[in-house]
Each structure stands twice: as C-alpha cells, then as structure tokens.
Amino acid sequence: MFRWGLKIIFGIGFILCCIVVILMYNKLSFIDWPYVIGGGISLTIGILLPTEKNRKI
C-alpha cells in the first residue's frame, strides 16, 4: 500500500510541474527549467517504482 501511495504522490508532483510549465510558457513565453527537470524526475521515479514485492516460491 505504501508503494502505491508513493506512485500517486510522484504522479501528482508530475502533474503539478507540468501545469506550472504550461502556465509559465503561455503567460510569459519561457520555460522554467527546474519544473521541467522536477517533472521528469517525478515521472521517472513514479514509473520505475515497483508496486509489488517479488515473491520467491
């Protein structure tokens, strides 16, 4: 359950970073690079984080 919570938190972080980047680009015509990097890192960790433990029989 803890891993799913982490995946959701990283997903929300990615969405928030994307929203900030889109708003900054539309209003001010530039991209705020720390948010792009933070969103990329959040997306990568969220995708690569395993959700189930590997069980050996």
N, C-alpha and C. Protein backbone atom coordinates (compact mmCIF):
# COMPACT_ATOMS: atom_id res chain seq x y z
N MET A 1 0.82 -1.19 0.00
CA MET A 1 0.00 0.00 0.00
C MET A 1 0.87 1.26 0.00
N PHE A 2 2.01 1.20 0.69
CA PHE A 2 2.92 2.33 0.77
C PHE A 2 3.48 2.70 -0.60
N ARG A 3 3.78 1.69 -1.41
CA ARG A 3 4.34 1.94 -2.74
C ARG A 3 3.32 2.60 -3.66
N TRP A 4 2.05 2.20 -3.54
CA TRP A 4 1.01 2.85 -4.34
C TRP A 4 0.88 4.31 -3.94
N GLY A 5 1.00 4.58 -2.65
CA GLY A 5 0.95 5.96 -2.18
C GLY A 5 2.08 6.79 -2.75
N LEU A 6 3.27 6.21 -2.80
CA LEU A 6 4.41 6.92 -3.39
C LEU A 6 4.19 7.17 -4.87
N LYS A 7 3.65 6.18 -5.59
CA LYS A 7 3.37 6.36 -7.01
C LYS A 7 2.37 7.50 -7.23
N ILE A 8 1.35 7.56 -6.39
CA ILE A 8 0.36 8.62 -6.51
C ILE A 8 0.97 9.99 -6.21
N ILE A 9 1.81 10.06 -5.19
CA ILE A 9 2.47 11.32 -4.85
C ILE A 9 3.37 11.80 -5.98
N PHE A 10 4.15 10.90 -6.56
CA PHE A 10 5.02 11.28 -7.68
C PHE A 10 4.19 11.66 -8.90
N GLY A 11 3.06 10.99 -9.11
CA GLY A 11 2.19 11.35 -10.22
C GLY A 11 1.60 12.74 -10.05
N ILE A 12 1.17 13.06 -8.84
CA ILE A 12 0.64 14.39 -8.56
C ILE A 12 1.74 15.44 -8.73
N GLY A 13 2.96 15.12 -8.28
CA GLY A 13 4.08 16.04 -8.47
C GLY A 13 4.36 16.30 -9.94
N PHE A 14 4.28 15.26 -10.77
CA PHE A 14 4.48 15.41 -12.21
C PHE A 14 3.41 16.29 -12.82
N ILE A 15 2.16 16.07 -12.44
CA ILE A 15 1.06 16.86 -12.99
C ILE A 15 1.20 18.33 -12.59
N LEU A 16 1.54 18.59 -11.33
CA LEU A 16 1.72 19.97 -10.88
C LEU A 16 2.87 20.66 -11.60
N CYS A 17 3.96 19.96 -11.80
CA CYS A 17 5.09 20.54 -12.53
C CYS A 17 4.70 20.85 -13.98
N CYS A 18 3.95 19.96 -14.60
CA CYS A 18 3.51 20.21 -15.97
C CYS A 18 2.58 21.42 -16.04
N ILE A 19 1.70 21.56 -15.08
CA ILE A 19 0.79 22.71 -15.06
C ILE A 19 1.57 24.01 -14.93
N VAL A 20 2.57 24.03 -14.05
CA VAL A 20 3.38 25.24 -13.87
C VAL A 20 4.13 25.57 -15.16
N VAL A 21 4.70 24.56 -15.81
CA VAL A 21 5.44 24.80 -17.05
C VAL A 21 4.51 25.34 -18.13
N ILE A 22 3.33 24.77 -18.27
CA ILE A 22 2.38 25.22 -19.29
C ILE A 22 1.93 26.66 -19.01
N LEU A 23 1.61 26.97 -17.76
CA LEU A 23 1.19 28.32 -17.42
C LEU A 23 2.31 29.34 -17.67
N MET A 24 3.53 29.00 -17.26
CA MET A 24 4.65 29.92 -17.46
C MET A 24 4.90 30.15 -18.94
N TYR A 25 4.81 29.11 -19.73
CA TYR A 25 5.08 29.26 -21.16
C TYR A 25 3.98 30.07 -21.85
N ASN A 26 2.73 29.83 -21.48
CA ASN A 26 1.63 30.56 -22.10
C ASN A 26 1.59 32.03 -21.69
N LYS A 27 1.87 32.33 -20.45
CA LYS A 27 1.77 33.71 -19.96
C LYS A 27 3.05 34.51 -20.20
N LEU A 28 4.21 33.89 -20.06
CA LEU A 28 5.46 34.64 -20.10
C LEU A 28 6.39 34.23 -21.23
N SER A 29 6.02 33.23 -22.01
CA SER A 29 6.78 32.77 -23.18
C SER A 29 8.18 32.26 -22.85
N PHE A 30 8.35 31.68 -21.69
CA PHE A 30 9.58 30.97 -21.41
C PHE A 30 9.28 29.77 -20.52
N ILE A 31 10.20 28.84 -20.50
CA ILE A 31 10.02 27.61 -19.74
C ILE A 31 10.89 27.69 -18.49
N ASP A 32 10.31 27.39 -17.35
CA ASP A 32 11.04 27.37 -16.09
C ASP A 32 11.67 25.99 -15.94
N TRP A 33 12.95 25.88 -16.23
CA TRP A 33 13.63 24.58 -16.33
C TRP A 33 13.64 23.74 -15.06
N PRO A 34 13.72 24.31 -13.87
CA PRO A 34 13.66 23.44 -12.68
C PRO A 34 12.36 22.64 -12.58
N TYR A 35 11.26 23.22 -13.04
CA TYR A 35 9.99 22.48 -13.02
C TYR A 35 9.97 21.38 -14.08
N VAL A 36 10.61 21.61 -15.20
CA VAL A 36 10.70 20.57 -16.23
C VAL A 36 11.53 19.40 -15.71
N ILE A 37 12.65 19.71 -15.08
CA ILE A 37 13.53 18.67 -14.54
C ILE A 37 12.82 17.93 -13.40
N GLY A 38 12.16 18.68 -12.51
CA GLY A 38 11.42 18.05 -11.41
C GLY A 38 10.30 17.16 -11.90
N GLY A 39 9.59 17.60 -12.93
CA GLY A 39 8.53 16.78 -13.51
C GLY A 39 9.07 15.51 -14.15
N GLY A 40 10.20 15.64 -14.84
CA GLY A 40 10.82 14.46 -15.46
C GLY A 40 11.29 13.45 -14.43
N ILE A 41 11.88 13.96 -13.35
CA ILE A 41 12.34 13.06 -12.28
C ILE A 41 11.15 12.40 -11.60
N SER A 42 10.10 13.16 -11.34
CA SER A 42 8.90 12.58 -10.70
C SER A 42 8.27 11.51 -11.58
N LEU A 43 8.19 11.78 -12.88
CA LEU A 43 7.62 10.80 -13.80
C LEU A 43 8.47 9.54 -13.85
N THR A 44 9.78 9.70 -13.92
CA THR A 44 10.68 8.55 -14.00
C THR A 44 10.59 7.70 -12.74
N ILE A 45 10.63 8.32 -11.58
CA ILE A 45 10.55 7.56 -10.33
C ILE A 45 9.18 6.89 -10.21
N GLY A 46 8.13 7.61 -10.58
CA GLY A 46 6.78 7.04 -10.49
C GLY A 46 6.59 5.83 -11.39
N ILE A 47 7.20 5.86 -12.56
CA ILE A 47 7.08 4.72 -13.48
C ILE A 47 7.95 3.55 -13.04
N LEU A 48 9.17 3.84 -12.60
CA LEU A 48 10.12 2.78 -12.27
C LEU A 48 9.91 2.17 -10.88
N LEU A 49 9.13 2.81 -10.03
CA LEU A 49 8.89 2.30 -8.69
C LEU A 49 8.02 1.05 -8.76
N PRO A 50 8.52 -0.09 -8.28
CA PRO A 50 7.72 -1.31 -8.34
C PRO A 50 6.54 -1.23 -7.36
N THR A 51 5.44 -1.87 -7.73
CA THR A 51 4.25 -1.84 -6.86
C THR A 51 4.09 -3.12 -6.07
N GLU A 52 4.68 -4.20 -6.49
CA GLU A 52 4.55 -5.46 -5.77
C GLU A 52 5.93 -5.98 -5.40
N LYS A 53 5.97 -6.69 -4.30
CA LYS A 53 7.23 -7.32 -3.90
C LYS A 53 7.43 -8.58 -4.73
N ASN A 54 8.66 -8.85 -5.08
CA ASN A 54 8.96 -10.09 -5.79
C ASN A 54 8.97 -11.24 -4.79
N ARG A 55 8.07 -12.16 -4.95
CA ARG A 55 7.97 -13.28 -4.02
C ARG A 55 8.61 -14.51 -4.62
N LYS A 56 9.48 -15.12 -3.86
CA LYS A 56 10.11 -16.36 -4.30
C LYS A 56 9.35 -17.53 -3.70
N ILE A 57 9.06 -18.50 -4.54
CA ILE A 57 8.32 -19.67 -4.08
C ILE A 57 9.28 -20.77 -3.66
